[in-house]
Protein backbone atom coordinates (compact mmCIF):
# COMPACT_ATOMS: atom_id res chain seq x y z
CA MET A 1 5.14 17.58 39.76
CA SER A 2 1.48 17.84 40.49
CA ARG A 3 0.12 17.90 44.02
CA ILE A 4 -0.61 14.32 45.10
CA ARG A 5 -4.23 13.41 45.65
CA PRO A 6 -4.15 9.69 46.51
CA HIS A 7 -7.94 9.48 46.55
CA LEU A 8 -10.78 9.75 44.12
CA SER A 9 -12.87 12.84 44.53
CA GLY A 10 -16.36 14.06 43.69
CA SER A 11 -17.93 15.56 40.52
CA ARG A 12 -17.56 19.12 39.33
CA LEU A 13 -21.15 20.19 39.80
CA ALA A 14 -22.77 22.68 37.47
CA THR A 15 -23.78 25.85 39.34
CA ALA A 16 -26.31 27.24 36.92
CA GLY A 17 -29.50 28.32 38.64
CA ILE A 18 -32.33 25.81 38.85
CA ALA A 19 -34.92 26.47 36.18
CA ALA A 20 -38.29 27.48 37.58
CA ALA A 21 -41.28 25.45 36.45
CA THR A 22 -44.57 25.40 38.28
CA ALA A 23 -46.67 22.34 38.98
CA THR A 24 -49.58 24.03 37.19
CA LEU A 25 -47.55 24.37 34.00
CA LEU A 26 -46.57 20.71 34.19
CA ALA A 27 -50.18 19.66 34.56
CA THR A 28 -51.26 21.57 31.46
CA THR A 29 -48.60 20.11 29.20
CA LEU A 30 -48.99 16.42 29.95
CA SER A 31 -51.25 13.82 28.40
CA PRO A 32 -54.03 12.82 30.82
CA HIS A 33 -54.14 9.24 29.61
CA ALA A 34 -52.08 6.24 30.69
CA GLY A 35 -51.09 3.42 28.37
CA ALA A 36 -53.54 0.91 27.01
CA ASP A 37 -52.94 -1.44 29.94
CA ASP A 38 -53.53 1.41 32.43
CA SER A 39 -49.92 1.11 33.66
CA PRO A 40 -48.56 4.51 34.70
CA THR A 41 -46.12 6.19 32.34
CA ARG A 42 -43.64 8.99 33.01
CA ALA A 43 -46.25 11.45 31.74
CA THR A 44 -48.99 10.20 34.06
CA ALA A 45 -46.55 10.13 36.97
CA LEU A 46 -45.73 13.79 36.33
CA LYS A 47 -49.41 14.66 36.09
CA ASN A 48 -50.20 12.82 39.34
CA ALA A 49 -47.26 14.47 41.11
CA ALA A 50 -48.30 17.92 39.89
CA SER A 51 -51.76 17.30 41.31
CA ALA A 52 -50.22 16.21 44.63
CA LEU A 53 -48.12 19.38 44.76
CA LYS A 54 -51.21 21.48 44.25
CA ASP A 55 -53.25 19.62 46.88
CA ARG A 56 -50.48 19.37 49.47
CA ALA A 57 -48.55 22.58 48.90
CA GLY A 58 -48.73 23.50 52.58
CA SER A 59 -47.38 20.22 53.95
CA LEU A 60 -44.62 20.22 51.32
CA GLY A 61 -43.58 23.77 52.21
CA LEU A 62 -44.59 25.22 48.85
CA THR A 63 -45.75 28.84 48.80
CA ALA A 64 -46.33 31.56 46.24
CA ALA A 65 -42.64 32.44 46.59
CA THR A 66 -41.45 28.96 45.55
CA ASP A 67 -41.25 27.24 42.18
CA THR A 68 -40.40 23.63 41.39
CA ALA A 69 -38.62 21.80 38.58
CA VAL A 70 -38.64 18.05 37.92
CA ARG A 71 -35.23 16.40 38.17
CA ASP A 72 -36.08 12.70 37.83
CA VAL A 73 -39.01 10.28 37.49
CA ILE A 74 -39.09 6.59 38.44
CA VAL A 75 -42.07 4.29 37.79
CA ASP A 76 -41.71 0.92 39.53
CA ALA A 77 -42.77 -2.34 37.93
CA ASP A 78 -45.84 -2.42 40.21
CA GLY A 79 -46.85 1.08 39.10
CA THR A 80 -45.64 2.97 42.17
CA GLN A 81 -44.35 6.39 41.12
CA HIS A 82 -41.58 8.60 42.48
CA VAL A 83 -41.07 12.13 41.16
CA ARG A 84 -38.05 14.14 42.31
CA TYR A 85 -38.14 17.95 42.37
CA ASP A 86 -35.70 20.82 42.84
CA ARG A 87 -37.01 24.07 44.28
CA THR A 88 -36.37 27.80 44.02
CA TYR A 89 -37.38 30.55 46.45
CA ARG A 90 -38.05 33.96 44.92
CA GLN A 91 -36.16 32.69 41.87
CA LEU A 92 -33.07 31.69 43.90
CA PRO A 93 -31.87 28.06 43.95
CA VAL A 94 -32.54 26.37 47.30
CA LEU A 95 -29.75 24.14 48.56
CA GLY A 96 -31.62 21.38 50.36
CA GLY A 97 -34.92 22.32 48.75
CA ASP A 98 -35.19 19.06 46.85
CA PHE A 99 -37.87 16.50 47.61
CA VAL A 100 -39.39 13.29 46.21
CA VAL A 101 -43.13 12.70 45.93
CA HIS A 102 -44.17 9.03 46.26
CA LEU A 103 -47.45 7.94 44.63
CA ALA A 104 -49.44 4.71 44.38
CA LYS A 105 -50.20 3.10 41.01
CA ASP A 106 -53.52 4.94 40.81
CA GLY A 107 -51.77 8.26 41.46
CA THR A 108 -52.80 8.51 45.10
CA TYR A 109 -50.30 10.44 47.21
CA ARG A 110 -48.40 8.24 49.68
CA SER A 111 -45.59 10.29 51.18
CA ALA A 112 -42.69 12.61 50.43
CA SER A 113 -38.96 12.50 51.13
CA ARG A 114 -37.68 16.02 51.82
CA ALA A 115 -34.09 17.22 52.16
CA THR A 116 -35.29 19.78 54.71
CA LYS A 117 -38.62 20.36 56.41
CA ASP A 118 -37.80 23.90 57.56
CA ALA A 119 -40.16 26.57 56.25
CA LEU A 120 -38.71 28.78 53.52
CA SER A 121 -39.38 32.35 54.56
CA LEU A 122 -36.75 35.08 54.34
CA SER A 123 -37.34 38.71 55.23
CA SER A 124 -35.16 39.80 52.32
CA VAL A 125 -33.17 38.34 49.44
CA THR A 126 -30.88 41.37 49.26
CA PRO A 127 -27.40 40.45 50.53
CA LYS A 128 -25.47 42.59 53.02
CA VAL A 129 -22.19 41.06 51.85
CA SER A 130 -21.34 42.11 48.31
CA ALA A 131 -20.59 39.65 45.53
CA PRO A 132 -16.95 40.86 45.19
CA LYS A 133 -16.45 40.35 48.92
CA ALA A 134 -17.86 36.82 48.68
CA ALA A 135 -15.53 36.15 45.73
CA ASP A 136 -12.51 37.30 47.75
CA LEU A 137 -13.51 35.13 50.71
CA ALA A 138 -13.81 32.08 48.46
CA ALA A 139 -10.42 32.76 46.87
CA THR A 140 -8.89 32.88 50.35
CA VAL A 141 -10.44 29.51 51.17
CA LEU A 142 -9.05 27.99 47.97
CA ARG A 143 -5.54 29.30 48.73
CA ALA A 144 -5.75 27.94 52.28
CA ALA A 145 -6.67 24.50 50.89
CA ASN A 146 -3.61 24.55 48.62
CA VAL A 147 -0.89 25.70 50.99
CA GLY A 148 2.53 25.66 49.35
CA GLU A 149 1.15 26.06 45.84
CA THR A 150 1.40 29.16 43.69
CA LEU A 151 -2.05 29.30 42.15
CA LYS A 152 -2.52 30.73 38.67
CA ARG A 153 -5.61 32.01 36.85
CA LEU A 154 -7.63 32.08 40.05
CA THR A 155 -11.22 33.10 39.42
CA SER A 156 -14.33 33.10 41.57
CA LYS A 157 -17.87 34.21 40.80
CA PRO A 158 -20.58 34.06 43.44
CA GLU A 159 -24.17 32.98 42.96
CA LEU A 160 -26.87 34.02 45.41
CA VAL A 161 -28.77 31.02 46.85
CA VAL A 162 -30.92 30.03 49.79
CA ASP A 163 -29.08 27.62 52.08
CA ALA A 164 -31.47 25.16 53.71
CA LEU A 165 -28.81 22.54 54.38
CA HIS A 166 -27.17 24.08 57.43
CA GLY A 167 -29.85 24.88 60.00
CA ALA A 168 -32.56 27.48 59.48
CA PRO A 169 -32.77 28.66 55.83
CA LYS A 170 -30.63 31.70 55.16
CA LEU A 171 -29.45 33.81 52.25
CA ALA A 172 -25.98 32.73 51.10
CA TRP A 173 -23.39 33.13 48.39
CA ARG A 174 -22.32 29.90 46.68
CA THR A 175 -18.97 30.58 45.04
CA ASP A 176 -16.90 28.27 42.87
CA ALA A 177 -13.25 29.25 43.19
CA VAL A 178 -11.13 27.74 40.40
CA ALA A 179 -7.41 27.94 39.66
CA GLN A 180 -4.46 26.01 38.29
CA ASP A 181 -1.61 24.67 40.40
CA SER A 182 2.07 24.98 39.54
CA ALA A 183 1.82 22.05 37.10
CA GLY A 184 -1.18 23.55 35.34
CA ASN A 185 -3.66 21.07 36.81
CA PRO A 186 -7.09 22.28 38.04
CA VAL A 187 -7.90 22.93 41.69
CA ALA A 188 -11.30 24.09 42.86
CA ARG A 189 -13.43 24.68 45.97
CA THR A 190 -17.08 25.53 46.31
CA VAL A 191 -17.50 27.93 49.22
CA LEU A 192 -20.81 28.73 50.92
CA THR A 193 -20.81 32.13 52.65
CA ASP A 194 -23.49 33.75 54.81
CA ALA A 195 -24.73 36.67 52.71
CA ARG A 196 -25.53 38.71 55.84
CA THR A 197 -22.36 38.27 57.90
CA GLY A 198 -19.69 36.97 55.52
CA ALA A 199 -19.07 33.93 57.73
CA LYS A 200 -18.06 30.73 55.95
CA ILE A 201 -20.87 28.19 56.22
CA ASP A 202 -19.19 25.30 54.40
CA ALA A 203 -16.68 24.48 51.68
CA TRP A 204 -16.00 21.41 49.58
CA ASP A 205 -14.02 20.19 46.60
CA SER A 206 -15.64 21.02 43.27
CA ILE A 207 -13.83 18.29 41.35
CA GLU A 208 -15.09 14.82 42.07
CA GLN A 209 -12.52 12.49 42.27
CA ALA A 210 -13.35 8.55 40.13
CA ALA A 211 -16.40 -4.36 17.02
CA GLY A 212 -12.74 -4.23 17.46
CA ASP A 213 -10.54 -5.08 20.36
CA GLY A 214 -7.89 -3.36 22.38
CA LYS A 215 -4.92 -4.23 24.53
CA SER A 216 -5.38 -2.38 27.79
CA LEU A 217 -3.09 -1.53 30.67
CA TYR A 218 -5.12 -3.29 33.34
CA ALA A 219 -7.83 -5.47 31.83
CA GLY A 220 -6.03 -7.51 29.17
CA THR A 221 -7.39 -7.68 25.63
CA VAL A 222 -10.99 -6.41 25.62
CA PRO A 223 -13.77 -6.13 23.00
CA LEU A 224 -14.64 -2.65 21.73
CA GLU A 225 -17.55 -1.37 19.67
CA THR A 226 -16.18 1.25 17.28
CA THR A 227 -17.35 3.39 14.37
CA ALA A 228 -16.09 3.11 10.80
CA SER A 229 -14.89 6.44 9.38
CA GLY A 230 -13.68 6.23 5.80
CA SER A 231 -10.85 3.73 5.69
CA ALA A 232 -10.25 3.96 9.47
CA TYR A 233 -12.14 3.53 12.73
CA GLN A 234 -13.06 5.88 15.55
CA LEU A 235 -13.07 4.87 19.23
CA LYS A 236 -16.76 5.74 19.42
CA ASP A 237 -19.57 3.38 20.45
CA ALA A 238 -22.95 4.01 18.84
CA THR A 239 -24.45 1.07 20.76
CA ARG A 240 -23.94 2.91 24.06
CA GLY A 241 -25.24 6.35 23.26
CA GLY A 242 -22.26 7.49 21.20
CA THR A 243 -19.69 7.29 24.00
CA TYR A 244 -16.17 8.02 22.80
CA THR A 245 -12.63 8.53 24.03
CA GLY A 246 -10.32 11.37 23.02
CA ASP A 247 -6.74 12.48 23.68
CA ALA A 248 -6.34 15.54 25.93
CA ALA A 249 -2.73 15.88 24.73
CA ASN A 250 -1.51 16.49 28.31
CA LYS A 251 -3.26 19.85 28.36
CA THR A 252 -5.78 21.19 30.89
CA ASP A 253 -8.94 23.26 30.77
CA LEU A 254 -9.11 27.03 31.09
CA CYS A 255 -12.32 27.59 32.99
CA ILE A 256 -13.85 30.50 34.85
CA LEU A 257 -16.10 28.74 37.32
CA THR A 258 -18.41 26.55 35.28
CA ILE A 259 -17.78 28.43 32.01
CA CYS A 260 -14.78 27.05 30.17
CA LEU A 261 -13.12 29.50 27.81
CA SER A 262 -11.19 26.60 26.37
CA ARG A 263 -11.02 22.90 27.08
CA ALA A 264 -8.21 20.47 26.74
CA PRO A 265 -8.65 18.82 23.34
CA SER A 266 -10.57 15.59 23.15
CA THR A 267 -9.70 14.51 19.64
CA VAL A 268 -11.31 11.14 19.08
CA PHE A 269 -8.80 8.31 18.82
CA THR A 270 -8.63 6.65 15.39
CA ASP A 271 -7.06 3.42 14.22
CA ALA A 272 -6.47 1.87 10.81
CA ASP A 273 -7.15 -1.81 11.58
CA ASN A 274 -9.55 -1.64 14.56
CA ARG A 275 -6.94 -3.18 16.84
CA TRP A 276 -6.24 -0.65 19.55
CA GLY A 277 -3.28 -0.19 21.88
CA THR A 278 -0.30 -2.36 22.69
CA GLY A 279 -0.85 -2.95 26.41
CA ALA A 280 2.03 -0.58 27.19
CA ALA A 281 1.65 2.94 28.58
CA SER A 282 4.05 4.23 25.93
CA ASP A 283 1.29 3.76 23.34
CA ARG A 284 -1.18 6.61 23.91
CA ALA A 285 -4.06 4.48 22.65
CA THR A 286 -3.56 1.92 25.43
CA ALA A 287 -4.97 4.15 28.18
CA ALA A 288 -7.80 5.02 25.79
CA VAL A 289 -8.67 1.32 25.55
CA ASP A 290 -9.00 1.12 29.35
CA ALA A 291 -11.11 4.27 29.49
CA GLN A 292 -13.48 3.19 26.71
CA TYR A 293 -13.78 -0.30 28.18
CA GLY A 294 -14.51 1.18 31.62
CA THR A 295 -17.27 3.31 30.12
CA ASP A 296 -18.72 0.27 28.35
CA VAL A 297 -18.73 -1.89 31.46
CA THR A 298 -20.24 0.87 33.63
CA TRP A 299 -22.99 1.49 31.06
CA ASP A 300 -23.70 -2.26 30.91
CA TYR A 301 -23.81 -2.63 34.69
CA TYR A 302 -26.38 0.11 35.18
CA LYS A 303 -28.48 -1.10 32.25
CA ASP A 304 -28.26 -4.85 32.91
CA VAL A 305 -28.74 -4.68 36.67
CA HIS A 306 -30.81 -1.57 37.27
CA GLY A 307 -32.45 -0.87 33.91
CA ARG A 308 -30.78 2.55 33.74
CA ASN A 309 -30.04 3.63 30.17
CA GLY A 310 -26.88 5.71 30.51
CA ILE A 311 -25.57 7.97 33.26
CA ALA A 312 -28.50 10.39 33.07
CA GLY A 313 -30.99 7.62 32.24
CA ASP A 314 -31.72 9.24 28.87
CA GLY A 315 -29.72 6.96 26.57
CA LYS A 316 -27.10 9.62 25.85
CA GLY A 317 -23.45 8.68 26.11
CA SER A 318 -20.72 10.60 27.89
CA PHE A 319 -17.14 10.86 26.66
CA ASN A 320 -13.65 10.32 28.01
CA ARG A 321 -10.48 12.39 27.91
CA VAL A 322 -7.22 10.58 28.65
CA HIS A 323 -3.69 11.96 29.12
CA TYR A 324 -4.97 15.06 30.92
CA GLY A 325 -2.42 17.42 32.48
CA ASN A 326 1.11 16.59 33.60
CA ASP A 327 1.72 13.81 36.13
CA TYR A 328 -1.91 14.35 37.14
CA ASN A 329 -2.76 12.01 40.03
CA ASN A 330 -6.51 12.16 39.64
CA ALA A 331 -9.55 11.34 37.58
CA PHE A 332 -12.85 13.19 37.69
CA TRP A 333 -16.38 13.29 36.38
CA ASP A 334 -17.49 16.72 35.18
CA ASP A 335 -21.20 17.49 34.88
CA THR A 336 -20.54 20.61 32.81
CA CYS A 337 -19.13 18.60 29.89
CA PHE A 338 -20.83 15.31 30.84
CA CYS A 339 -17.44 13.68 30.55
CA MET A 340 -14.81 11.63 32.35
CA THR A 341 -11.23 12.91 32.57
CA TYR A 342 -8.20 10.76 33.43
CA GLY A 343 -4.71 11.78 34.46
CA ASP A 344 -1.64 9.65 33.78
CA GLY A 345 -0.43 9.70 37.39
CA ASP A 346 3.12 10.58 38.45
CA GLY A 347 4.41 7.01 38.06
CA THR A 348 5.66 6.96 41.66
CA GLN A 349 2.48 6.94 43.70
CA LEU A 350 -0.08 6.36 40.97
CA GLY A 351 -0.11 5.15 37.38
CA PRO A 352 -2.72 6.10 34.75
CA LEU A 353 -6.07 6.27 36.56
CA VAL A 354 -8.04 4.32 33.96
CA SER A 355 -8.89 1.15 35.87
CA LEU A 356 -12.37 -0.39 35.90
CA ASP A 357 -13.28 0.56 39.46
CA VAL A 358 -12.07 4.13 38.95
CA ALA A 359 -14.27 4.43 35.85
CA GLY A 360 -17.26 3.01 37.72
CA HIS A 361 -16.56 5.28 40.69
CA GLU A 362 -16.32 8.49 38.69
CA MET A 363 -19.28 7.87 36.40
CA THR A 364 -21.38 7.01 39.44
CA HIS A 365 -20.83 10.60 40.56
CA GLY A 366 -22.77 11.48 37.41
CA VAL A 367 -25.58 9.10 38.37
CA THR A 368 -25.69 10.62 41.86
CA SER A 369 -25.85 14.16 40.48
CA LYS A 370 -28.84 13.20 38.32
CA THR A 371 -30.68 11.54 41.22
CA ALA A 372 -30.15 12.27 44.93
CA ALA A 373 -27.52 14.98 44.25
CA LEU A 374 -25.91 14.31 47.64
CA THR A 375 -24.17 17.50 48.79
CA TYR A 376 -20.41 17.09 48.63
CA SER A 377 -19.68 17.96 52.26
CA GLY A 378 -20.37 16.60 55.73
CA GLU A 379 -22.02 13.21 56.06
CA SER A 380 -23.83 13.70 52.73
CA GLY A 381 -20.44 14.06 51.06
CA GLY A 382 -19.21 10.88 52.70
CA LEU A 383 -22.28 9.09 51.35
CA ASN A 384 -21.63 10.57 47.91
CA GLU A 385 -18.11 9.12 47.91
CA ALA A 386 -19.26 5.81 49.39
CA THR A 387 -21.90 5.50 46.67
CA SER A 388 -19.19 5.81 44.03
CA ASP A 389 -16.94 3.30 45.79
CA ILE A 390 -19.81 0.82 46.18
CA PHE A 391 -20.87 0.94 42.55
CA GLY A 392 -17.26 1.17 41.34
CA SER A 393 -16.65 -2.20 43.02
CA LEU A 394 -19.92 -3.66 41.73
CA VAL A 395 -19.03 -2.57 38.17
CA GLU A 396 -15.71 -4.40 38.54
CA PHE A 397 -17.45 -7.56 39.75
CA HIS A 398 -20.06 -7.29 36.98
CA ALA A 399 -17.35 -7.12 34.30
CA GLY A 400 -16.13 -10.63 35.15
CA ASN A 401 -12.69 -9.78 33.74
CA SER A 402 -10.04 -12.36 34.65
CA SER A 403 -7.25 -9.76 34.35
CA ASP A 404 -9.00 -7.49 36.84
CA PRO A 405 -11.35 -9.67 38.92
CA GLY A 406 -13.84 -8.00 41.23
CA ASP A 407 -12.71 -7.06 44.73
CA TYR A 408 -13.43 -4.68 47.58
CA LEU A 409 -10.23 -2.70 47.06
CA ILE A 410 -10.52 0.71 45.39
CA GLY A 411 -7.91 1.65 42.79
CA GLU A 412 -5.61 -1.30 43.45
CA LYS A 413 -4.56 -1.42 39.79
CA VAL A 414 -3.38 2.20 39.65
CA VAL A 415 -1.40 2.26 42.93
CA ARG A 416 2.39 2.26 42.73
CA SER A 417 4.94 1.44 45.44
CA GLY A 418 5.51 5.09 46.38
CA LEU A 419 2.03 5.37 47.89
CA GLY A 420 2.94 2.99 50.70
CA ARG A 421 -0.11 0.75 50.39
CA ASN A 422 -1.69 -1.48 47.76
CA ALA A 423 -5.01 0.33 47.24
CA LEU A 424 -6.56 3.76 47.59
CA ARG A 425 -9.30 2.49 49.92
CA TYR A 426 -10.40 -0.75 51.61
CA MET A 427 -14.10 -1.49 51.97
CA ASP A 428 -13.85 -4.38 54.45
CA LYS A 429 -11.87 -2.31 56.96
CA PRO A 430 -11.55 1.29 55.71
CA SER A 431 -9.14 2.31 58.49
CA LYS A 432 -6.44 0.16 56.86
CA ASP A 433 -5.57 3.19 54.71
CA GLY A 434 -4.57 5.09 57.86
CA VAL A 435 -7.08 7.93 57.45
CA SER A 436 -10.58 6.55 56.83
CA VAL A 437 -12.96 5.54 59.63
CA ASP A 438 -14.77 2.25 60.15
CA CYS A 439 -17.49 3.45 62.53
CA TRP A 440 -19.85 6.39 62.84
CA SER A 441 -19.30 8.92 65.62
CA THR A 442 -20.51 12.42 66.45
CA GLY A 443 -17.46 13.85 64.67
CA THR A 444 -18.15 12.11 61.37
CA ALA A 445 -19.59 15.21 59.69
CA ASP A 446 -16.33 17.10 60.29
CA LEU A 447 -14.16 14.61 58.39
CA ASP A 448 -12.98 14.87 54.79
CA VAL A 449 -15.60 13.14 52.66
CA HIS A 450 -13.05 10.59 51.42
CA TYR A 451 -12.48 9.45 55.00
CA SER A 452 -16.07 9.57 56.28
CA SER A 453 -17.04 7.46 53.25
CA GLY A 454 -15.48 4.57 55.14
CA ILE A 455 -18.68 4.14 57.17
CA GLY A 456 -20.81 3.61 54.04
CA ASN A 457 -18.15 1.37 52.50
CA HIS A 458 -17.89 -0.72 55.66
CA PHE A 459 -21.69 -1.08 55.82
CA ALA A 460 -21.81 -2.14 52.16
CA TYR A 461 -19.10 -4.78 52.59
CA LEU A 462 -20.80 -6.20 55.69
CA LEU A 463 -24.19 -6.28 53.96
CA ALA A 464 -22.77 -8.10 50.94
CA GLU A 465 -20.21 -10.44 52.52
CA GLY A 466 -20.73 -10.39 56.29
CA SER A 467 -18.23 -9.98 59.11
CA GLY A 468 -15.13 -12.03 59.85
CA ALA A 469 -12.49 -13.61 57.65
CA ARG A 470 -13.13 -14.79 54.10
CA THR A 471 -11.48 -14.90 50.67
CA VAL A 472 -13.17 -13.51 47.55
CA ASN A 473 -11.56 -13.93 44.12
CA GLY A 474 -8.21 -14.65 45.75
CA VAL A 475 -8.22 -11.59 48.04
CA SER A 476 -8.35 -12.13 51.81
CA TYR A 477 -10.62 -9.95 53.95
CA ASN A 478 -11.33 -9.79 57.65
CA SER A 479 -14.08 -7.29 58.40
CA PRO A 480 -14.71 -6.38 62.04
CA THR A 481 -17.85 -4.80 63.49
CA CYS A 482 -17.93 -1.73 65.71
CA ASP A 483 -20.20 -3.32 68.30
CA GLY A 484 -18.70 -6.82 68.37
CA SER A 485 -21.70 -8.32 66.59
CA SER A 486 -21.66 -10.93 63.84
CA VAL A 487 -23.23 -9.99 60.51
CA THR A 488 -24.35 -12.42 57.80
CA GLY A 489 -24.10 -11.06 54.26
CA ILE A 490 -26.86 -11.20 51.63
CA GLY A 491 -24.68 -10.97 48.51
CA ARG A 492 -23.44 -8.24 46.17
CA GLY A 493 -26.48 -8.37 43.92
CA LYS A 494 -28.89 -7.52 46.72
CA LEU A 495 -26.55 -4.84 48.07
CA GLY A 496 -26.59 -3.16 44.65
CA LYS A 497 -30.36 -3.38 44.30
CA ILE A 498 -30.96 -1.94 47.77
CA TRP A 499 -28.43 0.90 47.48
CA TYR A 500 -29.58 1.90 43.98
CA ARG A 501 -33.22 2.10 45.02
CA ALA A 502 -32.31 4.04 48.15
CA LEU A 503 -30.22 6.48 46.08
CA THR A 504 -32.76 7.03 43.32
CA VAL A 505 -36.00 6.94 45.31
CA TYR A 506 -35.39 7.93 48.94
CA MET A 507 -32.13 9.86 49.39
CA THR A 508 -32.03 13.64 48.96
CA SER A 509 -29.25 16.21 48.87
CA SER A 510 -29.04 16.43 52.68
CA THR A 511 -29.21 12.71 53.54
CA ASN A 512 -26.82 11.78 56.34
CA TYR A 513 -25.89 8.34 57.66
CA SER A 514 -29.00 8.08 59.78
CA GLY A 515 -31.03 9.06 56.72
CA ALA A 516 -29.18 6.48 54.63
CA ARG A 517 -30.18 3.83 57.15
CA SER A 518 -33.83 4.84 56.76
CA ALA A 519 -33.51 5.00 52.96
CA THR A 520 -31.93 1.55 52.65
CA LEU A 521 -34.45 0.01 55.04
CA SER A 522 -37.26 1.50 52.94
CA ALA A 523 -35.60 0.12 49.82
CA ALA A 524 -35.19 -3.34 51.37
CA LYS A 525 -38.82 -3.29 52.47
CA ASP A 526 -39.94 -2.38 48.93
CA LEU A 527 -37.79 -5.07 47.33
CA TYR A 528 -37.98 -7.95 49.80
CA GLY A 529 -40.58 -7.16 52.48
CA ALA A 530 -40.44 -5.76 56.01
CA GLY A 531 -40.15 -9.23 57.54
CA SER A 532 -37.44 -10.45 55.17
CA ALA A 533 -33.92 -11.59 55.96
CA GLU A 534 -32.67 -8.80 53.67
CA TYR A 535 -34.49 -6.12 55.69
CA SER A 536 -33.05 -7.50 58.93
CA ALA A 537 -29.56 -7.69 57.42
CA VAL A 538 -29.68 -4.00 56.45
CA GLY A 539 -30.49 -3.05 60.03
CA ALA A 540 -27.80 -5.34 61.41
CA ALA A 541 -25.12 -3.98 59.05
CA TRP A 542 -25.89 -0.37 59.99
CA LYS A 543 -25.84 -1.24 63.69
CA ALA A 544 -22.46 -2.89 63.14
CA VAL A 545 -21.00 0.46 61.99
CA ASN A 546 -22.64 2.41 64.87
CA VAL A 547 -25.55 3.79 62.85
CA GLY A 548 -28.65 2.83 64.79
């Protein structure tokens, strides 16, 4: 039986080095002209940002030893531009080196959001701790995190980086340690080690856990866009970037760090009459219906509500693998394959993890990795998980599915009686799960990210619905506040708008809860005005969870 993980975890982040690209090169490759109506385009935003980098290199901490690469570009309806950069120092990736340049419609520099403001200056980029030693240290950390398991195929390969997330910038080894547990399911930890002393700086999970028709496990009979293939149909949706769902045949991946020597198969499901599944778990296509439907609804939510065209915003679809591993109590988004993977659960604590909110949760990890890239540890990791819970719930509400109506419970459809509760997490009062926290404290950064996410979840519930007792879609809630105050909600739609803008425009890899407060207030000001009820509600909801 696989090791139980009754929570959703974060995405397996690619560890390839950040490509170096200078602002000067960007400026020489972009068209200097805006559109006919003089509205800024992506190209003009990049040109304007490149000019800002050149003019303000000193204040942005850019030197001859640093290079930058564009990660994301957002042009607001009013022409305001936001260009997000990653940074390298002497060709090494900088953890916490990311920043966002904010520009007016005419390209004038306004401000910058920086993950760290510490100067990048190292006396040497030659490590005193060897790569093999760093690999051994990471393997030890992975074994310690899986006490009682006999790990197989354990591999770890370090990458030299500059750590600017944990105090003064320092040379470090970032090592992904990967293995299989006794059931053959993947386990992984990313370990950050001081390259001078060998001391562990940080460690975190590397696997982030969340027309025909089909009969699903959880959502009833649902519509599906499919692709004709000869006399049959494939479970592949050309209208949503070519997203598809395949069968992993209860196998797992064989990966060395981020390089997979072999992957569990993802043979696309086919059907003769375009009527998929039976609604029973015994039919392998049934879980595939849920997974494909979850992908569809998540795609539609981000496009309909936020204008985002796919997970990466580039119109390209991801894919799903169902029936992964044996009794695997998890689901995860993986950046390296740009795919979602679902286990079948052990049947005692969890069933197949293919519910709507799980799909929305996991694919949101992909959105986060393409935007703020919140580090998956400390308070940033809690915010990463909270972001996935928030949008997982909003996806469920957006679907409007009567068989799985929207709620503020996470994973309620997949939970079985053996877990001892009726959901994985509770947004109105996170502590109801027995491990999450409702309120911020000085020890928040030391908590597991799935438990510290409770603060962001609690804030989001209060902002949307308000404090006190109420019933939503037949589910009763009674959300307290940490300071005894009373909070009036502004609705789910405004919560989603504010959090999405904060994530994509203002948050960076090192954002903590205090930074999230600033980011959401800036977003509310942009969307509704500094004197608006929405702006005041954001401040009140953060105060109500002890973030002031």
